[in-house]
Amino acid sequence: MNVMDASELYDPEFRELIKSKKPTVIIPVGSLEQHGAHLPITTDSDIVTEIASRLAKKCGFIVFPTVSYGVSEEHSPLFNTSVDLSRLLQNILLSLSQNEIKSVVILNGHHGNERSIPDDWWSMDAKLRVYSYWRFMEHEFDHAGFVETSLMLAISDKVKMKKAKKGLITKGMSEKEIRRINKLSTQPGGFPKVAKNGVWGDPTGATKKDGEKFLAEIVRNLAKECQS
């Protein structure tokens, strides 16, 4: 049995798989929030879902449905939704443990989620690993800028490049100013104060080819980490 997607799992076979193979489960976590005028509000969830699927196939893991809501108050008053992500994920982990699943990877797709994702598991004989996918690429990350737009071009036909506009550019700023901006951008309502159009970076030069390169790099590096 070689099932990698929860949508293809049925109860009897899945329980037998858990008992015999002790599989690793990946839980992708995204968000529902603004990504400028050119990317859909599901961008974080779309990207992390694709990366999780590719990682599952590469490592022989099982990928669960994406948690598509995160913690995004920093984007207010631009569109965002936020949930008690920590409690939600703790409940999921508890349920998985009760079902004898002992190895879980939480793959995060939104920066604002990091402070709300549990990094330990109450079950002492279980293994939990938490990764934010952008930490597995060399290029500087952004929000609806060159990187995220390139990634979306590689996986989606929903990108409206004609509406892509340059946003906040920190190049040339002092380290002190960058630190101030980084701190402000993570506070409730802080992101639009530093990036008025909801974009951090410049998406206008994004390409599908760059997106495929980023995806390959991220999945390759994540697989190495997961298998080490």
N, C-alpha and C. Protein backbone atom coordinates (compact mmCIF):
# COMPACT_ATOMS: atom_id res chain seq x y z
N MET A 1 0.86 -1.20 0.00
CA MET A 1 0.00 0.00 0.00
C MET A 1 0.88 1.24 0.00
N ASN A 2 0.66 2.12 -0.96
CA ASN A 2 1.54 3.28 -1.11
C ASN A 2 0.70 4.54 -1.29
N VAL A 3 -0.02 4.90 -0.24
CA VAL A 3 -0.92 6.05 -0.28
C VAL A 3 -0.23 7.26 0.35
N MET A 4 -0.25 8.40 -0.34
CA MET A 4 0.43 9.59 0.16
C MET A 4 -0.52 10.73 0.49
N ASP A 5 -1.80 10.59 0.14
CA ASP A 5 -2.75 11.68 0.33
C ASP A 5 -3.93 11.17 1.15
N ALA A 6 -4.32 11.94 2.16
CA ALA A 6 -5.42 11.51 3.03
C ALA A 6 -6.73 11.33 2.26
N SER A 7 -6.88 12.01 1.14
CA SER A 7 -8.11 11.88 0.35
C SER A 7 -8.23 10.48 -0.26
N GLU A 8 -7.15 9.72 -0.25
CA GLU A 8 -7.17 8.37 -0.80
C GLU A 8 -7.17 7.30 0.29
N LEU A 9 -7.34 7.72 1.55
CA LEU A 9 -7.29 6.78 2.66
C LEU A 9 -8.70 6.39 3.11
N TYR A 10 -8.86 5.12 3.45
CA TYR A 10 -10.11 4.60 3.98
C TYR A 10 -9.81 3.95 5.33
N ASP A 11 -10.77 3.99 6.22
CA ASP A 11 -10.51 3.64 7.62
C ASP A 11 -9.81 2.29 7.83
N PRO A 12 -10.35 1.17 7.33
CA PRO A 12 -9.70 -0.11 7.65
C PRO A 12 -8.25 -0.17 7.18
N GLU A 13 -8.02 0.27 5.92
CA GLU A 13 -6.67 0.22 5.38
C GLU A 13 -5.74 1.19 6.10
N PHE A 14 -6.29 2.34 6.49
CA PHE A 14 -5.44 3.33 7.15
C PHE A 14 -5.02 2.84 8.54
N ARG A 15 -5.95 2.25 9.27
CA ARG A 15 -5.60 1.73 10.59
C ARG A 15 -4.56 0.62 10.48
N GLU A 16 -4.68 -0.19 9.44
CA GLU A 16 -3.69 -1.25 9.24
C GLU A 16 -2.34 -0.66 8.86
N LEU A 17 -2.36 0.40 8.05
CA LEU A 17 -1.13 1.08 7.65
C LEU A 17 -0.43 1.69 8.86
N ILE A 18 -1.20 2.31 9.74
CA ILE A 18 -0.63 2.89 10.97
C ILE A 18 0.04 1.81 11.81
N LYS A 19 -0.63 0.68 11.91
CA LYS A 19 -0.11 -0.41 12.74
C LYS A 19 1.16 -1.03 12.14
N SER A 20 1.18 -1.21 10.83
CA SER A 20 2.27 -1.95 10.20
C SER A 20 3.44 -1.08 9.76
N LYS A 21 3.16 0.12 9.29
CA LYS A 21 4.21 0.97 8.69
C LYS A 21 4.63 2.13 9.58
N LYS A 22 3.80 2.48 10.57
CA LYS A 22 4.08 3.63 11.44
C LYS A 22 4.46 4.87 10.60
N PRO A 23 3.55 5.35 9.78
CA PRO A 23 3.86 6.43 8.83
C PRO A 23 4.03 7.79 9.49
N THR A 24 4.70 8.67 8.78
CA THR A 24 4.78 10.09 9.16
C THR A 24 3.67 10.85 8.45
N VAL A 25 2.98 11.69 9.19
CA VAL A 25 1.90 12.52 8.65
C VAL A 25 2.39 13.97 8.55
N ILE A 26 2.10 14.62 7.42
CA ILE A 26 2.39 16.05 7.25
C ILE A 26 1.10 16.83 7.37
N ILE A 27 1.11 17.86 8.21
CA ILE A 27 -0.02 18.78 8.32
C ILE A 27 0.42 20.14 7.79
N PRO A 28 0.00 20.53 6.59
CA PRO A 28 0.32 21.87 6.09
C PRO A 28 -0.56 22.91 6.80
N VAL A 29 0.02 24.06 7.12
CA VAL A 29 -0.72 25.13 7.79
C VAL A 29 -0.51 26.43 7.01
N GLY A 30 -1.57 27.02 6.55
CA GLY A 30 -1.47 28.25 5.77
C GLY A 30 -2.16 29.43 6.44
N SER A 31 -2.83 30.25 5.64
CA SER A 31 -3.57 31.39 6.17
C SER A 31 -4.57 31.83 5.12
N LEU A 32 -5.45 32.73 5.51
CA LEU A 32 -6.41 33.36 4.60
C LEU A 32 -6.28 34.86 4.82
N GLU A 33 -5.57 35.52 3.92
CA GLU A 33 -5.23 36.93 4.13
C GLU A 33 -4.86 37.60 2.81
N GLN A 34 -4.81 38.91 2.85
CA GLN A 34 -4.49 39.68 1.66
C GLN A 34 -3.07 39.39 1.15
N HIS A 35 -2.93 39.38 -0.16
CA HIS A 35 -1.62 39.26 -0.81
C HIS A 35 -1.55 40.23 -1.99
N GLY A 36 -1.84 41.50 -1.68
CA GLY A 36 -1.82 42.51 -2.74
C GLY A 36 -2.99 42.36 -3.69
N ALA A 37 -2.90 43.03 -4.82
CA ALA A 37 -4.00 43.01 -5.80
C ALA A 37 -3.85 41.88 -6.81
N HIS A 38 -2.69 41.19 -6.80
CA HIS A 38 -2.42 40.23 -7.88
C HIS A 38 -2.42 38.78 -7.45
N LEU A 39 -2.44 38.51 -6.14
CA LEU A 39 -2.44 37.13 -5.65
C LEU A 39 -3.70 36.87 -4.83
N PRO A 40 -4.25 35.66 -4.90
CA PRO A 40 -5.47 35.35 -4.14
C PRO A 40 -5.21 35.31 -2.64
N ILE A 41 -6.27 35.46 -1.87
CA ILE A 41 -6.13 35.47 -0.41
C ILE A 41 -5.75 34.09 0.13
N THR A 42 -5.84 33.07 -0.69
CA THR A 42 -5.45 31.70 -0.29
C THR A 42 -3.98 31.39 -0.59
N THR A 43 -3.19 32.39 -0.96
CA THR A 43 -1.83 32.16 -1.43
C THR A 43 -0.98 31.31 -0.48
N ASP A 44 -0.94 31.66 0.79
CA ASP A 44 -0.12 30.90 1.73
C ASP A 44 -0.54 29.43 1.79
N SER A 45 -1.83 29.20 1.81
CA SER A 45 -2.34 27.83 1.86
C SER A 45 -2.07 27.08 0.56
N ASP A 46 -2.20 27.77 -0.56
CA ASP A 46 -1.94 27.14 -1.86
C ASP A 46 -0.49 26.68 -1.97
N ILE A 47 0.43 27.55 -1.57
CA ILE A 47 1.85 27.24 -1.70
C ILE A 47 2.25 26.11 -0.76
N VAL A 48 1.84 26.20 0.51
CA VAL A 48 2.26 25.17 1.47
C VAL A 48 1.62 23.82 1.15
N THR A 49 0.43 23.82 0.56
CA THR A 49 -0.21 22.57 0.14
C THR A 49 0.61 21.89 -0.94
N GLU A 50 1.08 22.65 -1.91
CA GLU A 50 1.89 22.09 -2.99
C GLU A 50 3.22 21.56 -2.47
N ILE A 51 3.86 22.31 -1.60
CA ILE A 51 5.15 21.87 -1.05
C ILE A 51 4.97 20.61 -0.22
N ALA A 52 3.92 20.56 0.59
CA ALA A 52 3.66 19.37 1.41
C ALA A 52 3.40 18.15 0.54
N SER A 53 2.67 18.33 -0.54
CA SER A 53 2.38 17.21 -1.45
C SER A 53 3.66 16.67 -2.08
N ARG A 54 4.51 17.57 -2.53
CA ARG A 54 5.77 17.15 -3.14
C ARG A 54 6.69 16.48 -2.11
N LEU A 55 6.70 17.01 -0.90
CA LEU A 55 7.54 16.44 0.15
C LEU A 55 7.04 15.05 0.53
N ALA A 56 5.73 14.89 0.61
CA ALA A 56 5.15 13.59 0.96
C ALA A 56 5.54 12.54 -0.07
N LYS A 57 5.47 12.89 -1.34
CA LYS A 57 5.82 11.95 -2.40
C LYS A 57 7.30 11.59 -2.36
N LYS A 58 8.13 12.57 -2.05
CA LYS A 58 9.56 12.35 -2.03
C LYS A 58 10.00 11.49 -0.84
N CYS A 59 9.33 11.66 0.29
CA CYS A 59 9.75 10.99 1.53
C CYS A 59 8.88 9.80 1.91
N GLY A 60 7.79 9.57 1.18
CA GLY A 60 6.91 8.48 1.55
C GLY A 60 6.03 8.80 2.74
N PHE A 61 5.72 10.09 2.94
CA PHE A 61 4.86 10.52 4.03
C PHE A 61 3.41 10.58 3.56
N ILE A 62 2.50 10.77 4.50
CA ILE A 62 1.09 10.98 4.20
C ILE A 62 0.75 12.44 4.45
N VAL A 63 0.16 13.09 3.46
CA VAL A 63 -0.17 14.51 3.63
C VAL A 63 -1.65 14.64 3.97
N PHE A 64 -1.92 15.36 5.05
CA PHE A 64 -3.28 15.60 5.51
C PHE A 64 -3.81 16.90 4.88
N PRO A 65 -5.13 17.12 4.95
CA PRO A 65 -5.69 18.37 4.42
C PRO A 65 -5.07 19.59 5.11
N THR A 66 -4.91 20.64 4.37
CA THR A 66 -4.29 21.86 4.88
C THR A 66 -5.20 22.59 5.87
N VAL A 67 -4.59 23.04 6.96
CA VAL A 67 -5.28 23.98 7.86
C VAL A 67 -5.17 25.35 7.19
N SER A 68 -6.25 25.81 6.60
CA SER A 68 -6.19 26.98 5.71
C SER A 68 -6.43 28.31 6.41
N TYR A 69 -6.58 28.28 7.73
CA TYR A 69 -6.74 29.50 8.52
C TYR A 69 -5.58 29.61 9.49
N GLY A 70 -5.02 30.82 9.63
CA GLY A 70 -3.89 31.02 10.51
C GLY A 70 -4.07 32.22 11.41
N VAL A 71 -2.96 32.88 11.71
CA VAL A 71 -2.95 34.04 12.60
C VAL A 71 -2.45 35.24 11.79
N SER A 72 -3.35 36.17 11.48
CA SER A 72 -3.04 37.22 10.50
C SER A 72 -3.48 38.61 10.91
N GLU A 73 -3.60 38.86 12.22
CA GLU A 73 -4.07 40.18 12.65
C GLU A 73 -3.17 41.32 12.19
N GLU A 74 -1.92 41.00 11.87
CA GLU A 74 -0.99 42.05 11.45
C GLU A 74 -1.43 42.72 10.15
N HIS A 75 -2.30 42.06 9.37
CA HIS A 75 -2.70 42.62 8.07
C HIS A 75 -3.92 43.54 8.16
N SER A 76 -4.58 43.61 9.29
CA SER A 76 -5.74 44.48 9.47
C SER A 76 -5.32 45.95 9.25
N PRO A 77 -6.15 46.75 8.56
CA PRO A 77 -7.52 46.52 8.13
C PRO A 77 -7.65 45.89 6.75
N LEU A 78 -6.54 45.50 6.11
CA LEU A 78 -6.65 44.72 4.89
C LEU A 78 -7.23 43.36 5.26
N PHE A 79 -7.76 42.64 4.28
CA PHE A 79 -8.49 41.41 4.61
C PHE A 79 -7.60 40.38 5.28
N ASN A 80 -8.14 39.79 6.35
CA ASN A 80 -7.46 38.69 7.04
C ASN A 80 -8.47 37.94 7.89
N THR A 81 -8.16 36.68 8.18
CA THR A 81 -8.92 35.92 9.17
C THR A 81 -7.93 35.30 10.13
N SER A 82 -8.32 35.15 11.38
CA SER A 82 -7.43 34.59 12.39
C SER A 82 -8.19 33.64 13.30
N VAL A 83 -7.51 32.57 13.73
CA VAL A 83 -8.11 31.58 14.62
C VAL A 83 -7.15 31.32 15.78
N ASP A 84 -7.64 30.57 16.77
CA ASP A 84 -6.78 30.11 17.86
C ASP A 84 -6.01 28.89 17.34
N LEU A 85 -4.97 29.17 16.59
CA LEU A 85 -4.25 28.11 15.88
C LEU A 85 -3.58 27.14 16.83
N SER A 86 -3.04 27.65 17.90
CA SER A 86 -2.34 26.79 18.86
C SER A 86 -3.27 25.71 19.41
N ARG A 87 -4.47 26.12 19.84
CA ARG A 87 -5.42 25.15 20.39
C ARG A 87 -5.87 24.17 19.31
N LEU A 88 -6.12 24.68 18.11
CA LEU A 88 -6.55 23.81 17.01
C LEU A 88 -5.52 22.72 16.73
N LEU A 89 -4.26 23.11 16.62
CA LEU A 89 -3.22 22.14 16.32
C LEU A 89 -2.98 21.18 17.48
N GLN A 90 -3.09 21.68 18.70
CA GLN A 90 -2.97 20.79 19.86
C GLN A 90 -4.06 19.73 19.86
N ASN A 91 -5.28 20.13 19.48
CA ASN A 91 -6.37 19.17 19.40
C ASN A 91 -6.13 18.13 18.32
N ILE A 92 -5.60 18.58 17.18
CA ILE A 92 -5.28 17.64 16.10
C ILE A 92 -4.21 16.65 16.55
N LEU A 93 -3.16 17.16 17.19
CA LEU A 93 -2.08 16.28 17.66
C LEU A 93 -2.58 15.27 18.68
N LEU A 94 -3.47 15.72 19.56
CA LEU A 94 -4.04 14.82 20.56
C LEU A 94 -4.81 13.69 19.87
N SER A 95 -5.60 14.06 18.87
CA SER A 95 -6.38 13.05 18.15
C SER A 95 -5.47 12.07 17.41
N LEU A 96 -4.42 12.58 16.80
CA LEU A 96 -3.50 11.70 16.08
C LEU A 96 -2.81 10.74 17.03
N SER A 97 -2.43 11.24 18.19
CA SER A 97 -1.79 10.38 19.19
C SER A 97 -2.74 9.28 19.65
N GLN A 98 -3.99 9.63 19.85
CA GLN A 98 -4.99 8.65 20.28
C GLN A 98 -5.21 7.59 19.21
N ASN A 99 -4.90 7.95 17.95
CA ASN A 99 -5.02 7.01 16.85
C ASN A 99 -3.70 6.31 16.53
N GLU A 100 -2.75 6.42 17.47
CA GLU A 100 -1.46 5.71 17.39
C GLU A 100 -0.54 6.22 16.29
N ILE A 101 -0.75 7.46 15.82
CA ILE A 101 0.20 8.08 14.89
C ILE A 101 1.28 8.75 15.72
N LYS A 102 2.53 8.35 15.50
CA LYS A 102 3.63 8.75 16.37
C LYS A 102 4.64 9.68 15.71
N SER A 103 4.44 10.02 14.44
CA SER A 103 5.39 10.89 13.75
C SER A 103 4.63 11.90 12.91
N VAL A 104 4.82 13.20 13.23
CA VAL A 104 4.09 14.27 12.55
C VAL A 104 5.04 15.40 12.18
N VAL A 105 4.85 15.91 10.96
CA VAL A 105 5.54 17.13 10.51
C VAL A 105 4.47 18.20 10.32
N ILE A 106 4.60 19.31 11.03
CA ILE A 106 3.76 20.48 10.78
C ILE A 106 4.56 21.39 9.85
N LEU A 107 4.04 21.62 8.66
CA LEU A 107 4.71 22.45 7.67
C LEU A 107 3.99 23.79 7.58
N ASN A 108 4.64 24.84 8.01
CA ASN A 108 4.03 26.17 8.10
C ASN A 108 4.26 26.99 6.83
N GLY A 109 3.19 27.70 6.42
CA GLY A 109 3.28 28.51 5.22
C GLY A 109 3.05 30.00 5.44
N HIS A 110 2.95 30.43 6.72
CA HIS A 110 2.68 31.85 7.00
C HIS A 110 3.49 32.30 8.21
N HIS A 111 4.22 33.38 8.03
CA HIS A 111 5.13 33.87 9.07
C HIS A 111 4.41 34.13 10.39
N GLY A 112 3.22 34.70 10.32
CA GLY A 112 2.49 35.04 11.53
C GLY A 112 2.05 33.84 12.35
N ASN A 113 2.11 32.65 11.76
CA ASN A 113 1.72 31.44 12.48
C ASN A 113 2.80 30.94 13.43
N GLU A 114 4.03 31.34 13.22
CA GLU A 114 5.15 30.70 13.92
C GLU A 114 5.00 30.73 15.43
N ARG A 115 4.53 31.84 15.96
CA ARG A 115 4.43 31.96 17.42
C ARG A 115 3.26 31.15 17.99
N SER A 116 2.42 30.58 17.12
CA SER A 116 1.23 29.87 17.59
C SER A 116 1.27 28.37 17.31
N ILE A 117 2.35 27.89 16.72
CA ILE A 117 2.45 26.46 16.41
C ILE A 117 3.17 25.74 17.54
N PRO A 118 2.54 24.74 18.14
CA PRO A 118 3.21 24.00 19.23
C PRO A 118 4.44 23.28 18.71
N ASP A 119 5.50 23.30 19.50
CA ASP A 119 6.73 22.63 19.08
C ASP A 119 7.01 21.39 19.92
N ASP A 120 6.06 21.01 20.78
CA ASP A 120 6.22 19.78 21.53
C ASP A 120 4.89 19.04 21.55
N TRP A 121 4.93 17.79 21.99
CA TRP A 121 3.78 16.91 21.94
C TRP A 121 3.66 16.23 23.28
N TRP A 122 2.46 16.15 23.80
CA TRP A 122 2.29 15.59 25.14
C TRP A 122 2.70 14.11 25.20
N SER A 123 2.60 13.41 24.07
CA SER A 123 2.94 11.99 24.04
C SER A 123 4.45 11.82 23.96
N MET A 124 5.04 11.27 24.99
CA MET A 124 6.50 11.19 25.10
C MET A 124 7.12 10.26 24.06
N ASP A 125 6.33 9.32 23.53
CA ASP A 125 6.89 8.39 22.55
C ASP A 125 6.58 8.79 21.12
N ALA A 126 6.15 10.06 20.93
CA ALA A 126 5.85 10.56 19.60
C ALA A 126 6.88 11.59 19.16
N LYS A 127 7.02 11.76 17.86
CA LYS A 127 7.99 12.70 17.30
C LYS A 127 7.27 13.78 16.53
N LEU A 128 7.52 15.04 16.89
CA LEU A 128 6.93 16.18 16.20
C LEU A 128 8.04 17.07 15.67
N ARG A 129 7.93 17.40 14.37
CA ARG A 129 8.87 18.33 13.76
C ARG A 129 8.07 19.49 13.15
N VAL A 130 8.55 20.71 13.36
CA VAL A 130 7.86 21.90 12.86
C VAL A 130 8.82 22.68 11.96
N TYR A 131 8.38 22.94 10.72
CA TYR A 131 9.22 23.65 9.76
C TYR A 131 8.42 24.77 9.09
N SER A 132 9.05 25.91 8.88
CA SER A 132 8.51 26.96 8.01
C SER A 132 9.25 26.87 6.69
N TYR A 133 8.52 26.67 5.60
CA TYR A 133 9.16 26.26 4.35
C TYR A 133 10.17 27.26 3.81
N TRP A 134 9.95 28.56 4.04
CA TRP A 134 10.86 29.56 3.46
C TRP A 134 12.24 29.54 4.09
N ARG A 135 12.39 28.87 5.21
CA ARG A 135 13.71 28.74 5.84
C ARG A 135 14.57 27.69 5.14
N PHE A 136 14.04 27.09 4.10
CA PHE A 136 14.76 26.06 3.36
C PHE A 136 15.08 26.52 1.94
N MET A 137 15.22 27.84 1.78
CA MET A 137 15.65 28.42 0.50
C MET A 137 16.63 29.56 0.79
N GLU A 138 17.50 29.82 -0.15
CA GLU A 138 18.53 30.84 0.05
C GLU A 138 18.02 32.25 -0.23
N HIS A 139 17.14 32.41 -1.20
CA HIS A 139 16.66 33.74 -1.59
C HIS A 139 15.89 34.38 -0.45
N GLU A 140 16.08 35.67 -0.27
CA GLU A 140 15.33 36.40 0.76
C GLU A 140 13.84 36.31 0.50
N PHE A 141 13.08 36.01 1.53
CA PHE A 141 11.64 35.82 1.38
C PHE A 141 10.93 37.17 1.35
N ASP A 142 9.64 37.16 1.04
CA ASP A 142 8.87 38.40 0.93
C ASP A 142 7.39 38.10 1.21
N HIS A 143 6.54 39.07 0.93
CA HIS A 143 5.10 38.85 1.03
C HIS A 143 4.46 39.41 -0.23
N ALA A 144 3.99 38.51 -1.09
CA ALA A 144 3.40 38.88 -2.38
C ALA A 144 4.42 39.55 -3.29
N GLY A 145 5.70 39.35 -3.00
CA GLY A 145 6.77 39.91 -3.81
C GLY A 145 7.28 38.93 -4.85
N PHE A 146 8.57 39.01 -5.15
CA PHE A 146 9.15 38.18 -6.21
C PHE A 146 9.04 36.70 -5.92
N VAL A 147 9.34 36.29 -4.67
CA VAL A 147 9.35 34.86 -4.33
C VAL A 147 7.95 34.28 -4.34
N GLU A 148 7.05 34.85 -3.55
CA GLU A 148 5.71 34.28 -3.46
C GLU A 148 4.98 34.33 -4.81
N THR A 149 5.18 35.38 -5.56
CA THR A 149 4.53 35.47 -6.86
C THR A 149 5.08 34.43 -7.82
N SER A 150 6.40 34.23 -7.80
CA SER A 150 7.00 33.19 -8.65
C SER A 150 6.48 31.81 -8.26
N LEU A 151 6.40 31.54 -6.96
CA LEU A 151 5.88 30.25 -6.50
C LEU A 151 4.44 30.04 -6.99
N MET A 152 3.63 31.08 -6.89
CA MET A 152 2.24 30.95 -7.33
C MET A 152 2.14 30.78 -8.85
N LEU A 153 3.01 31.44 -9.60
CA LEU A 153 3.01 31.26 -11.05
C LEU A 153 3.32 29.81 -11.43
N ALA A 154 4.12 29.14 -10.60
CA ALA A 154 4.50 27.76 -10.87
C ALA A 154 3.39 26.76 -10.55
N ILE A 155 2.43 27.16 -9.70
CA ILE A 155 1.43 26.18 -9.26
C ILE A 155 -0.01 26.58 -9.55
N SER A 156 -0.24 27.80 -10.01
CA SER A 156 -1.61 28.30 -10.12
C SER A 156 -1.80 29.16 -11.37
N ASP A 157 -3.03 29.20 -11.85
CA ASP A 157 -3.37 30.10 -12.96
C ASP A 157 -4.15 31.31 -12.47
N LYS A 158 -4.09 31.56 -11.17
CA LYS A 158 -4.88 32.64 -10.56
C LYS A 158 -4.10 33.95 -10.38
N VAL A 159 -2.83 33.98 -10.82
CA VAL A 159 -2.01 35.19 -10.64
C VAL A 159 -2.38 36.24 -11.68
N LYS A 160 -2.62 37.47 -11.23
CA LYS A 160 -2.96 38.57 -12.14
C LYS A 160 -1.75 39.50 -12.25
N MET A 161 -0.81 39.13 -13.11
CA MET A 161 0.45 39.87 -13.21
C MET A 161 0.25 41.32 -13.64
N LYS A 162 -0.81 41.61 -14.38
CA LYS A 162 -1.05 42.99 -14.81
C LYS A 162 -1.36 43.91 -13.61
N LYS A 163 -1.77 43.32 -12.50
CA LYS A 163 -2.08 44.10 -11.30
C LYS A 163 -0.93 44.10 -10.30
N ALA A 164 0.16 43.40 -10.63
CA ALA A 164 1.30 43.32 -9.71
C ALA A 164 2.01 44.68 -9.60
N LYS A 165 2.19 45.14 -8.37
CA LYS A 165 2.84 46.42 -8.12
C LYS A 165 3.94 46.26 -7.08
N LYS A 166 5.02 47.02 -7.26
CA LYS A 166 6.10 47.01 -6.28
C LYS A 166 5.58 47.52 -4.94
N GLY A 167 6.06 46.89 -3.87
CA GLY A 167 5.66 47.30 -2.53
C GLY A 167 6.84 47.81 -1.73
N LEU A 168 6.90 47.45 -0.46
CA LEU A 168 7.99 47.89 0.41
C LEU A 168 9.31 47.26 -0.03
N ILE A 169 10.32 48.09 -0.20
CA ILE A 169 11.67 47.64 -0.52
C ILE A 169 12.60 48.12 0.59
N THR A 170 13.27 47.20 1.27
CA THR A 170 14.14 47.56 2.39
C THR A 170 15.59 47.76 1.99
N LYS A 171 15.92 47.42 0.75
CA LYS A 171 17.30 47.59 0.30
C LYS A 171 17.72 49.05 0.42
N GLY A 172 18.86 49.27 1.04
CA GLY A 172 19.36 50.63 1.23
C GLY A 172 18.99 51.24 2.56
N MET A 173 18.08 50.60 3.29
CA MET A 173 17.71 51.11 4.61
C MET A 173 18.76 50.71 5.64
N SER A 174 18.83 51.46 6.72
CA SER A 174 19.74 51.12 7.80
C SER A 174 19.24 49.89 8.54
N GLU A 175 20.15 49.20 9.23
CA GLU A 175 19.74 48.02 10.00
C GLU A 175 18.74 48.40 11.09
N LYS A 176 18.93 49.56 11.68
CA LYS A 176 18.02 50.02 12.72
C LYS A 176 16.61 50.20 12.16
N GLU A 177 16.50 50.80 10.98
CA GLU A 177 15.20 51.04 10.36
C GLU A 177 14.54 49.72 9.96
N ILE A 178 15.33 48.79 9.47
CA ILE A 178 14.80 47.48 9.08
C ILE A 178 14.26 46.74 10.30
N ARG A 179 15.00 46.81 11.41
CA ARG A 179 14.53 46.18 12.65
C ARG A 179 13.22 46.79 13.10
N ARG A 180 13.12 48.13 13.00
CA ARG A 180 11.89 48.82 13.40
C ARG A 180 10.72 48.37 12.53
N ILE A 181 10.96 48.29 11.23
CA ILE A 181 9.91 47.87 10.30
C ILE A 181 9.50 46.42 10.55
N ASN A 182 10.48 45.55 10.75
CA ASN A 182 10.17 44.15 11.00
C ASN A 182 9.31 43.99 12.25
N LYS A 183 9.65 44.73 13.29
CA LYS A 183 8.88 44.65 14.54
C LYS A 183 7.47 45.17 14.36
N LEU A 184 7.34 46.32 13.68
CA LEU A 184 6.02 46.92 13.47
C LEU A 184 5.14 46.03 12.60
N SER A 185 5.73 45.39 11.60
CA SER A 185 4.96 44.62 10.63
C SER A 185 4.31 43.38 11.23
N THR A 186 4.80 42.92 12.39
CA THR A 186 4.25 41.72 13.02
C THR A 186 3.20 42.03 14.07
N GLN A 187 3.00 43.31 14.37
CA GLN A 187 2.02 43.70 15.37
C GLN A 187 0.64 43.81 14.74
N PRO A 188 -0.43 43.64 15.51
CA PRO A 188 -1.78 43.78 14.94
C PRO A 188 -1.95 45.10 14.21
N GLY A 189 -2.35 45.01 12.94
CA GLY A 189 -2.54 46.21 12.12
C GLY A 189 -1.26 46.85 11.65
N GLY A 190 -0.12 46.21 11.90
CA GLY A 190 1.16 46.83 11.58
C GLY A 190 1.63 46.69 10.15
N PHE A 191 1.23 45.62 9.48
CA PHE A 191 1.76 45.37 8.14
C PHE A 191 1.40 46.48 7.14
N PRO A 192 0.14 46.91 7.06
CA PRO A 192 -0.19 47.98 6.11
C PRO A 192 0.48 49.32 6.44
N LYS A 193 0.96 49.47 7.67
CA LYS A 193 1.65 50.71 8.03
C LYS A 193 3.03 50.78 7.39
N VAL A 194 3.62 49.62 7.08
CA VAL A 194 4.94 49.62 6.45
C VAL A 194 4.85 49.25 4.97
N ALA A 195 3.77 48.57 4.58
CA ALA A 195 3.57 48.18 3.17
C ALA A 195 2.13 48.51 2.80
N LYS A 196 1.90 49.73 2.37
CA LYS A 196 0.54 50.23 2.20
C LYS A 196 -0.29 49.44 1.21
N ASN A 197 0.34 48.91 0.17
CA ASN A 197 -0.43 48.15 -0.82
C ASN A 197 -0.46 46.65 -0.51
N GLY A 198 0.03 46.28 0.68
CA GLY A 198 -0.01 44.88 1.09
C GLY A 198 1.08 44.02 0.51
N VAL A 199 2.07 44.64 -0.13
CA VAL A 199 3.15 43.89 -0.79
C VAL A 199 4.49 44.25 -0.15
N TRP A 200 5.25 43.22 0.21
CA TRP A 200 6.62 43.41 0.71
C TRP A 200 7.55 42.81 -0.35
N GLY A 201 8.16 43.67 -1.14
CA GLY A 201 9.02 43.20 -2.22
C GLY A 201 8.51 43.69 -3.56
N ASP A 202 9.09 43.14 -4.61
CA ASP A 202 8.73 43.57 -5.97
C ASP A 202 8.34 42.34 -6.80
N PRO A 203 7.04 42.15 -7.05
CA PRO A 203 6.58 40.98 -7.79
C PRO A 203 6.66 41.12 -9.30
N THR A 204 7.00 42.30 -9.80
CA THR A 204 6.84 42.56 -11.23
C THR A 204 7.77 41.72 -12.11
N GLY A 205 8.87 41.23 -11.55
CA GLY A 205 9.78 40.41 -12.35
C GLY A 205 9.65 38.92 -12.09
N ALA A 206 8.61 38.52 -11.38
CA ALA A 206 8.42 37.11 -11.03
C ALA A 206 8.15 36.26 -12.26
N THR A 207 8.63 35.02 -12.24
CA THR A 207 8.41 34.09 -13.37
C THR A 207 8.08 32.70 -12.87
N LYS A 208 7.41 31.94 -13.70
CA LYS A 208 7.10 30.55 -13.40
C LYS A 208 8.39 29.74 -13.26
N LYS A 209 9.37 30.03 -14.09
CA LYS A 209 10.65 29.30 -14.04
C LYS A 209 11.32 29.49 -12.68
N ASP A 210 11.33 30.72 -12.18
CA ASP A 210 11.90 30.97 -10.85
C ASP A 210 11.12 30.22 -9.78
N GLY A 211 9.80 30.20 -9.93
CA GLY A 211 8.97 29.49 -8.97
C GLY A 211 9.28 28.01 -8.91
N GLU A 212 9.46 27.39 -10.07
CA GLU A 212 9.80 25.97 -10.10
C GLU A 212 11.17 25.73 -9.46
N LYS A 213 12.09 26.65 -9.69
CA LYS A 213 13.43 26.53 -9.08
C LYS A 213 13.32 26.62 -7.56
N PHE A 214 12.53 27.57 -7.06
CA PHE A 214 12.35 27.71 -5.62
C PHE A 214 11.70 26.46 -5.02
N LEU A 215 10.67 25.95 -5.69
CA LEU A 215 9.99 24.76 -5.19
C LEU A 215 10.94 23.57 -5.08
N ALA A 216 11.73 23.36 -6.12
CA ALA A 216 12.67 22.24 -6.11
C ALA A 216 13.68 22.38 -4.98
N GLU A 217 14.17 23.59 -4.78
CA GLU A 217 15.15 23.85 -3.72
C GLU A 217 14.54 23.59 -2.35
N ILE A 218 13.35 24.10 -2.13
CA ILE A 218 12.69 23.95 -0.83
C ILE A 218 12.42 22.48 -0.51
N VAL A 219 11.85 21.77 -1.47
CA VAL A 219 11.52 20.36 -1.24
C VAL A 219 12.79 19.53 -1.04
N ARG A 220 13.80 19.80 -1.82
CA ARG A 220 15.07 19.07 -1.68
C ARG A 220 15.65 19.26 -0.28
N ASN A 221 15.70 20.51 0.20
CA ASN A 221 16.29 20.80 1.50
C ASN A 221 15.40 20.28 2.64
N LEU A 222 14.09 20.38 2.48
CA LEU A 222 13.20 19.83 3.50
C LEU A 222 13.33 18.32 3.60
N ALA A 223 13.44 17.65 2.47
CA ALA A 223 13.57 16.20 2.47
C ALA A 223 14.85 15.77 3.19
N LYS A 224 15.92 16.50 2.94
CA LYS A 224 17.18 16.20 3.64
C LYS A 224 17.02 16.33 5.13
N GLU A 225 16.34 17.39 5.56
CA GLU A 225 16.12 17.62 6.99
C GLU A 225 15.24 16.53 7.59
N CYS A 226 14.19 16.16 6.90
CA CYS A 226 13.25 15.16 7.41
C CYS A 226 13.88 13.78 7.50
N GLN A 227 14.82 13.50 6.61
CA GLN A 227 15.42 12.17 6.55
C GLN A 227 16.72 12.06 7.35
N SER A 228 17.14 13.19 7.93
CA SER A 228 18.39 13.17 8.70
C SER A 228 18.17 12.59 10.08
